[in-house]
């Protein structure tokens, strides 16, 4: 499970700048849920060897009067959800009344709070931030979020103490061994973790209870650590599963989706913890931007995906055709995911979901030898030669497995890191088709050989040293 970091502070202190730097927003999909989350933005951060979920809260003015009310309305929920709170202040403004009010509120919370003075670039930082110690929040960290200055030190201080409690916070060194095909992990023997996610009232709980009510051997309900998410072990056709229900499983007679609580953080953490994500969409409301954000987050996290369009029963045929056209148009970025049309309430199509879940999981964990991957790469080259880069043909030498779940393929060669994006996508799609991979993203990485002599001093031989001395004497005589 990944820890949650909330960015809190007055408007214009640099929260969004730090958020964008941590999430690399231009490269990664960021979940933005206006209204439902009071304009807070949620993103997945992978920065300097650490990975976590970051929440960008709305600005808090921190007026002396009504600060508790302002906090409750705008950021109290984000603070409650968070494991770490980064309280940002503006080093150029000095301590304001708003900063003092927010600090007073944060001191009452049982949270790890780090005071961060932003915008220290171009000023005498030590003198400018000294006054902020009066806020009595412990150590003070000076950063320049716009340039990344000080951010690495801040994250080290935040997350090294959390490594034992949240081992997933530290990104493991990617194993670049070609012997991964002999990895001893038996994924088939492990329970498959299936997270059922979606917007409120799309039928997540109805679907969960339909699965448990018809095809189950439930051992016990084990409360998870992901803030009220419930992990439910079950068995189906001799296969062990763990359903992750972000809404909590209730008895049939007690289900009331009208009051079903929704937490973005719970959903994001469930996605991170799952092997396969079952994204549920309401057919009667078609697909929304929020649905796309959830699916995009799962894709960015490297999770296998199955999509279920619920409440399909009772719709007119022309309405069904219109929905299918809309889904084809908006789900092009996950065209590898199986799409099912179901009725969780009546059970129509629910049984077939598990066929796609198993297919996606097997695709994500299948072992492929280096020789087979290299052969597929060579076939791709024969059908479509790599382009010229700088007047030279890019040469692909060999490919091997770099990881599983999701599958990661590493291609070695000369100038491969300069391959155009179009050819990289061609190779990814070619591997997907050749390996029969469905329901899971494929990550293809490119590596160039390292120059063993780079950075090394070239020592001269004795004859070369004598020749050099003769030349130096000749040069001196010439002067």
Protein backbone atom coordinates (compact mmCIF):
# COMPACT_ATOMS: atom_id res chain seq x y z
CA UNK A 1 0.00 0.00 0.00
CA UNK A 2 1.22 3.49 -0.86
CA UNK A 3 1.21 6.34 1.66
CA UNK A 4 -0.88 9.46 1.01
CA UNK A 5 0.69 12.94 1.08
CA UNK A 6 -1.51 16.04 1.35
CA UNK A 7 -0.28 19.49 0.27
CA UNK A 8 -1.81 22.17 2.48
CA UNK A 9 -1.35 25.93 2.60
CA UNK A 10 -2.60 29.36 1.61
CA UNK A 11 -3.35 30.17 -2.06
CA UNK A 12 -0.36 30.84 -4.33
CA UNK A 13 2.30 29.34 -2.08
CA UNK A 14 3.27 26.80 -4.75
CA UNK A 15 1.17 23.73 -3.91
CA UNK A 16 0.19 23.10 -7.53
CA UNK A 17 3.77 23.65 -8.71
CA UNK A 18 5.02 21.04 -6.26
CA UNK A 19 2.13 18.73 -7.17
CA UNK A 20 3.02 18.94 -10.87
CA UNK A 21 6.69 18.32 -10.17
CA UNK A 22 5.95 15.25 -8.02
CA UNK A 23 3.40 13.74 -10.41
CA UNK A 24 5.11 14.87 -13.62
CA UNK A 25 1.65 15.82 -14.75
CA UNK A 26 2.58 16.30 -18.38
CA UNK A 27 3.64 12.65 -18.61
CA UNK A 28 1.28 10.92 -16.18
CA UNK A 29 -2.48 10.85 -15.91
CA UNK A 30 -3.70 12.75 -12.87
CA UNK A 31 -7.12 12.14 -11.38
CA UNK A 32 -9.09 15.37 -11.01
CA UNK A 33 -12.52 15.12 -9.43
CA UNK A 34 -14.18 18.56 -9.30
CA UNK A 35 -17.15 18.95 -6.98
CA UNK A 36 -16.98 15.47 -5.51
CA UNK A 37 -13.62 16.21 -3.90
CA UNK A 38 -14.02 19.93 -3.36
CA UNK A 39 -11.60 20.70 -6.19
CA UNK A 40 -8.81 18.57 -4.77
CA UNK A 41 -6.55 16.84 -7.26
CA UNK A 42 -5.19 13.33 -6.74
CA UNK A 43 -2.13 11.99 -8.51
CA UNK A 44 0.40 9.19 -8.44
CA UNK A 45 3.90 10.40 -7.70
CA UNK A 46 7.09 8.57 -8.61
CA UNK A 47 9.95 10.88 -7.75
CA UNK A 48 13.58 10.30 -6.85
CA UNK A 49 13.08 6.64 -5.90
CA UNK A 50 9.85 7.15 -3.93
CA UNK A 51 6.26 6.39 -4.99
CA UNK A 52 3.14 7.64 -3.22
CA UNK A 53 -0.28 9.24 -3.73
CA UNK A 54 -0.29 13.03 -3.52
CA UNK A 55 -3.32 15.27 -2.90
CA UNK A 56 -3.33 18.92 -3.95
CA UNK A 57 -5.86 20.74 -1.76
CA UNK A 58 -7.55 24.05 -2.45
CA UNK A 59 -5.97 27.15 -1.00
CA UNK A 60 -6.88 27.99 2.60
CA UNK A 61 -7.04 31.68 3.43
CA UNK A 62 -6.79 30.92 7.14
CA UNK A 63 -8.73 33.93 8.43
CA UNK A 64 -8.61 34.19 12.17
CA UNK A 65 -12.37 33.99 12.31
CA UNK A 66 -13.83 30.73 11.15
CA UNK A 67 -10.58 28.92 10.42
CA UNK A 68 -12.03 25.63 11.68
CA UNK A 69 -15.00 25.99 9.33
CA UNK A 70 -12.77 26.86 6.37
CA UNK A 71 -10.50 23.89 7.08
CA UNK A 72 -13.47 21.55 7.42
CA UNK A 73 -14.94 22.67 4.12
CA UNK A 74 -11.81 22.70 2.00
CA UNK A 75 -9.07 20.47 3.35
CA UNK A 76 -10.07 18.61 6.51
CA UNK A 77 -10.95 15.49 4.54
CA UNK A 78 -7.61 15.56 2.71
CA UNK A 79 -5.76 15.85 6.01
CA UNK A 80 -7.78 12.99 7.49
CA UNK A 81 -6.96 10.79 4.48
CA UNK A 82 -3.27 11.63 4.55
CA UNK A 83 -0.39 9.82 6.21
CA UNK A 84 1.90 12.83 5.73
CA UNK A 85 0.97 16.53 5.54
CA UNK A 86 3.26 19.01 3.79
CA UNK A 87 2.35 22.49 5.03
CA UNK A 88 3.62 24.96 2.42
CA UNK A 89 4.38 28.61 3.20
CA UNK A 90 5.78 31.38 1.01
CA UNK A 91 9.34 32.24 2.05
CA UNK A 92 9.03 35.65 0.35
CA UNK A 93 5.89 36.66 2.28
CA UNK A 94 7.12 35.79 5.75
CA UNK A 95 4.76 34.50 8.46
CA UNK A 96 1.16 35.62 7.87
CA UNK A 97 -1.92 35.46 10.05
CA UNK A 98 -3.24 32.75 7.76
CA UNK A 99 -0.09 30.66 8.24
CA UNK A 100 -0.43 30.96 12.00
CA UNK A 101 -4.08 29.89 11.94
CA UNK A 102 -3.38 26.88 9.74
CA UNK A 103 -0.41 25.88 11.92
CA UNK A 104 -2.61 26.04 15.03
CA UNK A 105 -5.07 23.66 13.41
CA UNK A 106 -2.36 21.26 12.22
CA UNK A 107 -0.76 21.06 15.67
CA UNK A 108 -4.02 19.57 16.94
CA UNK A 109 -3.95 16.77 14.33
CA UNK A 110 -2.27 13.45 15.04
CA UNK A 111 -0.45 13.52 11.71
CA UNK A 112 3.14 13.74 10.56
CA UNK A 113 3.38 17.41 9.53
CA UNK A 114 6.37 18.87 7.69
CA UNK A 115 6.75 22.64 7.38
CA UNK A 116 7.98 23.57 3.90
CA UNK A 117 9.08 27.09 2.95
CA UNK A 118 8.76 27.44 -0.83
CA UNK A 119 10.22 30.01 -3.26
CA UNK A 120 13.68 30.26 -1.65
CA UNK A 121 15.35 30.77 -5.04
CA UNK A 122 16.99 34.17 -5.52
CA UNK A 123 16.84 35.22 -1.85
CA UNK A 124 18.87 34.75 1.31
CA UNK A 125 17.03 31.58 2.30
CA UNK A 126 18.40 31.20 5.83
CA UNK A 127 17.36 34.70 6.85
CA UNK A 128 14.03 34.58 5.02
CA UNK A 129 12.73 31.37 6.55
CA UNK A 130 14.03 31.79 10.11
CA UNK A 131 10.77 33.41 11.30
CA UNK A 132 8.76 30.31 10.32
CA UNK A 133 10.19 28.39 13.27
CA UNK A 134 7.73 30.41 15.36
CA UNK A 135 4.94 28.21 13.94
CA UNK A 136 6.23 25.43 16.25
CA UNK A 137 5.93 22.58 13.75
CA UNK A 138 9.43 21.17 14.14
CA UNK A 139 12.04 21.10 11.40
CA UNK A 140 11.76 23.52 8.51
CA UNK A 141 12.56 22.57 4.91
CA UNK A 142 13.40 25.18 2.30
CA UNK A 143 12.60 24.34 -1.34
CA UNK A 144 12.13 25.90 -4.75
CA UNK A 145 9.35 23.75 -6.22
CA UNK A 146 9.62 25.38 -9.64
CA UNK A 147 13.24 24.20 -10.01
CA UNK A 148 13.22 21.10 -7.79
CA UNK A 149 15.74 22.56 -5.34
CA UNK A 150 15.50 20.91 -1.91
CA UNK A 151 12.72 18.50 -2.93
CA UNK A 152 14.93 15.42 -2.77
CA UNK A 153 16.04 16.21 0.81
CA UNK A 154 12.41 16.85 1.81
CA UNK A 155 11.23 13.48 0.48
CA UNK A 156 14.12 11.64 2.16
CA UNK A 157 13.10 13.16 5.48
CA UNK A 158 9.43 12.28 4.94
CA UNK A 159 9.67 8.74 3.68
CA UNK A 160 12.73 7.08 5.17
CA UNK A 161 10.93 6.85 8.57
CA UNK A 162 7.90 5.34 6.76
CA UNK A 163 9.81 2.60 4.94
CA UNK A 164 8.97 -0.07 7.54
CA UNK A 165 5.28 0.84 7.72
CA UNK A 166 4.91 1.36 3.95
CA UNK A 167 7.52 -0.79 2.19
CA UNK A 168 6.00 0.04 -1.21
CA UNK A 169 7.00 3.70 -0.83
CA UNK A 170 10.54 2.89 -2.00
CA UNK A 171 10.73 2.00 -5.68
CA UNK A 172 12.72 -1.23 -6.00
CA UNK A 173 15.73 -1.33 -8.25
CA UNK A 174 14.53 -2.66 -11.57
CA UNK A 175 16.10 -6.06 -12.09
CA UNK A 176 17.77 -6.10 -15.47
CA UNK A 177 18.66 -9.79 -15.45
CA UNK A 178 17.98 -11.96 -18.44
CA UNK A 179 17.16 -14.87 -16.14
CA UNK A 180 13.71 -13.55 -15.21
CA UNK A 181 12.22 -16.35 -17.30
CA UNK A 182 13.43 -18.65 -14.52
CA UNK A 183 11.84 -16.53 -11.75
CA UNK A 184 10.72 -18.87 -9.00
CA UNK A 185 7.52 -16.94 -8.14
CA UNK A 186 4.50 -19.10 -8.96
CA UNK A 187 1.79 -16.53 -9.70
CA UNK A 188 -0.81 -19.25 -10.28
CA UNK A 189 -0.45 -20.37 -6.67
CA UNK A 190 -1.08 -16.88 -5.30
CA UNK A 191 -4.58 -15.48 -4.71
CA UNK A 192 -5.63 -13.10 -7.47
CA UNK A 193 -6.47 -9.66 -6.05
CA UNK A 194 -9.40 -8.13 -7.92
CA UNK A 195 -10.34 -4.50 -7.19
CA UNK A 196 -13.87 -3.41 -8.15
CA UNK A 197 -13.78 0.34 -8.75
CA UNK A 198 -16.07 2.98 -10.17
CA UNK A 199 -18.06 6.09 -9.45
CA UNK A 200 -20.79 6.15 -6.78
CA UNK A 201 -23.99 4.34 -7.60
CA UNK A 202 -22.67 2.47 -10.64
CA UNK A 203 -23.38 -0.85 -8.91
CA UNK A 204 -20.05 -1.83 -7.34
CA UNK A 205 -21.61 -3.20 -4.17
CA UNK A 206 -24.41 -4.91 -6.08
CA UNK A 207 -21.84 -6.60 -8.30
CA UNK A 208 -19.68 -7.62 -5.33
CA UNK A 209 -22.61 -9.15 -3.51
CA UNK A 210 -23.80 -10.87 -6.71
CA UNK A 211 -20.36 -12.49 -7.04
CA UNK A 212 -20.28 -13.52 -3.39
CA UNK A 213 -23.89 -14.68 -3.37
CA UNK A 214 -23.72 -16.99 -6.35
CA UNK A 215 -20.19 -18.30 -6.79
CA UNK A 216 -18.61 -18.14 -3.42
CA UNK A 217 -16.85 -20.02 -0.71
CA UNK A 218 -16.22 -17.09 1.61
CA UNK A 219 -13.73 -17.85 4.35
CA UNK A 220 -14.04 -14.65 6.37
CA UNK A 221 -14.21 -10.90 6.00
CA UNK A 222 -10.79 -9.47 6.72
CA UNK A 223 -10.75 -5.70 7.25
CA UNK A 224 -8.03 -4.19 5.12
CA UNK A 225 -5.65 -1.43 6.04
CA UNK A 226 -6.69 0.75 3.12
CA UNK A 227 -9.08 2.95 5.05
CA UNK A 228 -12.27 0.93 5.25
CA UNK A 229 -11.60 -1.11 2.11
CA UNK A 230 -12.57 -4.71 2.76
CA UNK A 231 -10.55 -7.67 1.51
CA UNK A 232 -12.79 -10.70 0.97
CA UNK A 233 -11.13 -14.06 0.25
CA UNK A 234 -13.25 -16.32 -1.97
CA UNK A 235 -12.86 -19.33 -4.23
CA UNK A 236 -14.24 -19.94 -7.69
CA UNK A 237 -13.62 -23.02 -9.84
CA UNK A 238 -10.71 -24.03 -7.63
CA UNK A 239 -9.06 -20.61 -7.96
CA UNK A 240 -8.44 -18.40 -4.94
CA UNK A 241 -9.37 -14.74 -5.21
CA UNK A 242 -9.33 -11.71 -2.94
CA UNK A 243 -12.03 -9.18 -3.81
CA UNK A 244 -11.16 -5.62 -2.82
CA UNK A 245 -14.38 -3.73 -2.20
CA UNK A 246 -13.72 -0.03 -1.71
CA UNK A 247 -17.29 0.57 -0.52
CA UNK A 248 -17.41 -2.23 2.06
CA UNK A 249 -19.47 -5.41 1.67
CA UNK A 250 -22.86 -5.37 3.33
CA UNK A 251 -25.61 -7.90 3.66
CA UNK A 252 -28.10 -7.88 0.82
CA UNK A 253 -30.90 -6.47 2.93
CA UNK A 254 -28.71 -3.60 4.11
CA UNK A 255 -27.39 -2.33 0.78
CA UNK A 256 -28.32 1.28 0.26
CA UNK A 257 -26.29 2.74 -2.58
CA UNK A 258 -27.91 6.12 -2.05
CA UNK A 259 -25.70 6.62 1.00
CA UNK A 260 -22.67 4.73 -0.29
CA UNK A 261 -19.55 6.66 0.67
CA UNK A 262 -16.90 7.32 -1.92
CA UNK A 263 -13.26 8.06 -1.28
CA UNK A 264 -10.87 8.76 -4.11
CA UNK A 265 -7.92 7.76 -1.97
CA UNK A 266 -9.47 4.40 -1.08
CA UNK A 267 -10.01 3.68 -4.76
CA UNK A 268 -6.47 4.68 -5.78
CA UNK A 269 -4.94 2.56 -3.04
CA UNK A 270 -7.12 -0.40 -4.01
CA UNK A 271 -5.88 -0.07 -7.60
CA UNK A 272 -2.27 -0.03 -6.41
CA UNK A 273 -2.82 -3.16 -4.30
CA UNK A 274 -4.69 -5.18 -6.95
CA UNK A 275 -3.51 -7.51 -9.69
CA UNK A 276 -6.56 -6.86 -11.88
CA UNK A 277 -8.87 -3.84 -11.85
CA UNK A 278 -12.54 -4.32 -12.72
CA UNK A 279 -13.80 -0.87 -13.73
CA UNK A 280 -17.59 -0.56 -13.53
CA UNK A 281 -19.39 1.99 -15.73
CA UNK A 282 -23.06 2.97 -15.57
CA UNK A 283 -24.62 2.37 -18.99
CA UNK A 284 -27.44 4.81 -18.26
CA UNK A 285 -25.02 7.68 -17.70
CA UNK A 286 -22.53 6.60 -20.40
CA UNK A 287 -18.84 7.09 -19.75
CA UNK A 288 -17.66 10.17 -17.85
CA UNK A 289 -14.32 11.92 -17.44
CA UNK A 290 -14.18 10.49 -13.93
CA UNK A 291 -14.46 6.95 -15.34
CA UNK A 292 -11.60 7.71 -17.73
CA UNK A 293 -9.47 9.10 -14.91
CA UNK A 294 -9.89 5.92 -12.86
CA UNK A 295 -9.07 3.70 -15.84
CA UNK A 296 -6.13 5.95 -16.70
CA UNK A 297 -4.77 5.70 -13.16
CA UNK A 298 -4.98 1.89 -13.34
CA UNK A 299 -3.17 1.96 -16.68
CA UNK A 300 -0.48 4.27 -15.33
CA UNK A 301 -0.03 1.93 -12.35
CA UNK A 302 0.55 -0.99 -14.74
CA UNK A 303 -2.53 -2.94 -13.63
CA UNK A 304 -4.51 -5.35 -15.76
CA UNK A 305 -7.94 -3.97 -16.66
CA UNK A 306 -11.39 -5.41 -17.37
CA UNK A 307 -14.29 -3.04 -18.07
CA UNK A 308 -17.89 -3.85 -17.11
CA UNK A 309 -20.77 -1.71 -18.41
CA UNK A 310 -23.49 -2.22 -15.81
CA UNK A 311 -27.30 -1.68 -15.95
CA UNK A 312 -27.36 -2.86 -19.55
CA UNK A 313 -30.74 -4.56 -19.18
CA UNK A 314 -33.86 -2.63 -20.12
CA UNK A 315 -32.16 -0.27 -22.58
CA UNK A 316 -33.54 0.20 -26.07
CA UNK A 317 -31.42 -1.15 -28.94
CA UNK A 318 -30.79 2.28 -30.46
CA UNK A 319 -29.59 3.50 -27.05
CA UNK A 320 -27.27 0.48 -26.76
CA UNK A 321 -25.81 1.19 -30.18
CA UNK A 322 -25.19 4.80 -29.25
CA UNK A 323 -23.43 3.77 -26.02
CA UNK A 324 -21.19 1.31 -27.87
CA UNK A 325 -20.13 4.00 -30.34
CA UNK A 326 -19.31 6.35 -27.47
CA UNK A 327 -17.28 3.66 -25.68
CA UNK A 328 -15.33 2.86 -28.85
CA UNK A 329 -14.52 6.53 -29.27
CA UNK A 330 -13.40 7.27 -25.71
CA UNK A 331 -11.75 3.99 -24.71
CA UNK A 332 -9.27 3.83 -27.56
CA UNK A 333 -6.33 4.23 -25.17
CA UNK A 334 -7.23 0.88 -23.53
CA UNK A 335 -8.33 -1.02 -26.63
CA UNK A 336 -6.58 -4.11 -25.20
CA UNK A 337 -9.09 -4.37 -22.32
CA UNK A 338 -12.08 -6.72 -22.58
CA UNK A 339 -15.45 -4.97 -22.50
CA UNK A 340 -18.49 -6.67 -20.91
CA UNK A 341 -22.13 -5.59 -20.83
CA UNK A 342 -23.75 -6.85 -17.65
CA UNK A 343 -26.59 -6.52 -15.18
CA UNK A 344 -25.26 -6.88 -11.64
CA UNK A 345 -28.79 -6.80 -10.27
CA UNK A 346 -30.01 -9.76 -12.34
CA UNK A 347 -26.66 -11.50 -12.85
CA UNK A 348 -26.63 -11.25 -16.64
CA UNK A 349 -23.08 -11.59 -18.00
CA UNK A 350 -21.44 -11.58 -14.55
CA UNK A 351 -20.04 -15.11 -14.88
CA UNK A 352 -18.11 -14.23 -18.05
CA UNK A 353 -16.23 -11.47 -16.24
CA UNK A 354 -13.95 -14.01 -14.59
CA UNK A 355 -12.89 -15.42 -17.96
CA UNK A 356 -11.49 -12.00 -18.88
CA UNK A 357 -10.02 -11.49 -15.39
CA UNK A 358 -8.10 -14.78 -15.68
CA UNK A 359 -7.02 -13.96 -19.24
CA UNK A 360 -5.68 -10.55 -18.18
CA UNK A 361 -3.83 -11.98 -15.17
CA UNK A 362 -2.23 -14.77 -17.21
CA UNK A 363 -1.15 -12.24 -19.84
CA UNK A 364 0.46 -10.10 -17.15
CA UNK A 365 2.35 -12.97 -15.52
CA UNK A 366 3.25 -15.31 -18.41
CA UNK A 367 6.90 -16.28 -18.75
CA UNK A 368 8.59 -15.63 -22.09
CA UNK A 369 12.14 -16.70 -22.92
CA UNK A 370 14.83 -14.38 -24.20
CA UNK A 371 15.12 -16.36 -27.43
CA UNK A 372 11.40 -16.00 -28.17
CA UNK A 373 11.35 -12.27 -27.46
CA UNK A 374 14.45 -11.74 -29.61
CA UNK A 375 12.84 -13.72 -32.46
CA UNK A 376 9.68 -11.58 -32.27
CA UNK A 377 11.84 -8.44 -32.31
CA UNK A 378 13.68 -9.67 -35.41
CA UNK A 379 10.37 -10.42 -37.15
CA UNK A 380 9.18 -6.91 -36.35
CA UNK A 381 12.39 -5.49 -37.88
CA UNK A 382 11.97 -7.57 -41.03
CA UNK A 383 8.44 -6.30 -41.56
CA UNK A 384 9.29 -2.69 -40.77
CA UNK A 385 12.91 -1.53 -40.59
CA UNK A 386 13.84 0.97 -37.87
CA UNK A 387 14.25 4.51 -39.23
CA UNK A 388 17.51 6.32 -39.78
CA UNK A 389 18.69 8.48 -36.89
CA UNK A 390 21.44 10.96 -37.66
CA UNK A 391 22.04 9.23 -40.97
CA UNK A 392 22.60 5.85 -39.31
CA UNK A 393 20.20 2.91 -39.10
CA UNK A 394 19.12 2.06 -35.56
CA UNK A 395 20.19 -1.49 -34.78
CA UNK A 396 18.15 -3.69 -32.44
CA UNK A 397 20.34 -6.49 -31.05
CA UNK A 398 18.27 -8.60 -28.65
CA UNK A 399 15.30 -8.48 -26.25
CA UNK A 400 14.59 -10.08 -22.89
CA UNK A 401 12.02 -9.98 -20.11
CA UNK A 402 12.62 -7.20 -17.61
CA UNK A 403 9.69 -7.91 -15.31
CA UNK A 404 6.16 -9.19 -14.98
CA UNK A 405 2.79 -7.92 -13.80
CA UNK A 406 2.85 -5.82 -15.91
CA UNK A 407 5.08 -7.45 -18.52
CA UNK A 408 8.21 -5.42 -19.20
CA UNK A 409 10.35 -6.07 -22.28
CA UNK A 410 13.88 -4.66 -22.51
CA UNK A 411 15.38 -4.15 -25.98
CA UNK A 412 19.15 -3.62 -26.34
CA UNK A 413 20.84 -2.04 -29.31
CA UNK A 414 22.62 0.97 -30.77
CA UNK A 415 20.81 4.34 -30.70
CA UNK A 416 17.61 2.63 -29.53
CA UNK A 417 16.87 5.40 -27.03
CA UNK A 418 16.53 7.76 -30.01
CA UNK A 419 13.82 5.73 -31.72
CA UNK A 420 10.79 7.86 -32.67
CA UNK A 421 7.65 7.38 -30.60
CA UNK A 422 5.78 5.96 -33.59
CA UNK A 423 8.26 3.10 -33.99
CA UNK A 424 8.26 2.42 -30.25
CA UNK A 425 4.46 2.06 -30.38
CA UNK A 426 4.81 -0.20 -33.41
CA UNK A 427 7.13 -2.52 -31.47
CA UNK A 428 4.82 -2.51 -28.43
CA UNK A 429 1.80 -3.45 -30.55
CA UNK A 430 3.80 -6.08 -32.42
CA UNK A 431 4.86 -7.76 -29.16
CA UNK A 432 1.27 -7.62 -27.90
CA UNK A 433 -0.08 -9.31 -31.02
CA UNK A 434 2.71 -11.91 -31.24
CA UNK A 435 2.41 -12.89 -27.55
CA UNK A 436 -1.39 -12.80 -27.51
CA UNK A 437 -1.44 -10.36 -24.58
CA UNK A 438 -4.91 -9.11 -23.60
CA UNK A 439 -6.14 -7.02 -20.72
CA UNK A 440 -2.78 -5.72 -19.51
CA UNK A 441 -0.43 -2.92 -20.57
CA UNK A 442 3.01 -3.80 -21.94
CA UNK A 443 6.04 -1.69 -21.12
CA UNK A 444 8.88 -1.75 -23.64
CA UNK A 445 12.18 -0.19 -22.54
CA UNK A 446 15.25 0.55 -24.62
CA UNK A 447 18.85 0.19 -23.46
CA UNK A 448 22.10 1.13 -25.12
CA UNK A 449 25.44 -0.52 -24.29
CA UNK A 450 27.65 1.41 -21.92
CA UNK A 451 31.09 2.48 -23.12
CA UNK A 452 33.49 0.58 -20.79
CA UNK A 453 36.14 3.27 -21.36
CA UNK A 454 33.91 6.24 -20.61
CA UNK A 455 35.41 8.39 -17.88
CA UNK A 456 38.65 6.41 -17.76
CA UNK A 457 42.02 8.02 -18.20
CA UNK A 458 43.96 6.62 -21.13
CA UNK A 459 47.42 5.73 -19.72
CA UNK A 460 50.25 6.00 -22.23
CA UNK A 461 52.68 3.16 -22.85
CA UNK A 462 56.44 3.72 -22.31
CA UNK A 463 57.07 4.22 -26.03
CA UNK A 464 54.17 6.67 -26.24
CA UNK A 465 55.55 8.60 -23.26
CA UNK A 466 59.02 8.86 -24.92
CA UNK A 467 57.42 10.03 -28.16
CA UNK A 468 55.39 12.62 -26.28
CA UNK A 469 58.53 13.99 -24.57
CA UNK A 470 60.31 14.30 -27.95
CA UNK A 471 57.34 16.17 -29.40
CA UNK A 472 57.17 18.53 -26.43
CA UNK A 473 60.90 19.34 -26.83
CA UNK A 474 60.32 20.08 -30.52
CA UNK A 475 57.41 22.37 -29.68
CA UNK A 476 59.48 24.28 -27.10
CA UNK A 477 62.36 24.76 -29.57
CA UNK A 478 59.91 26.08 -32.14
CA UNK A 479 58.80 28.80 -29.71
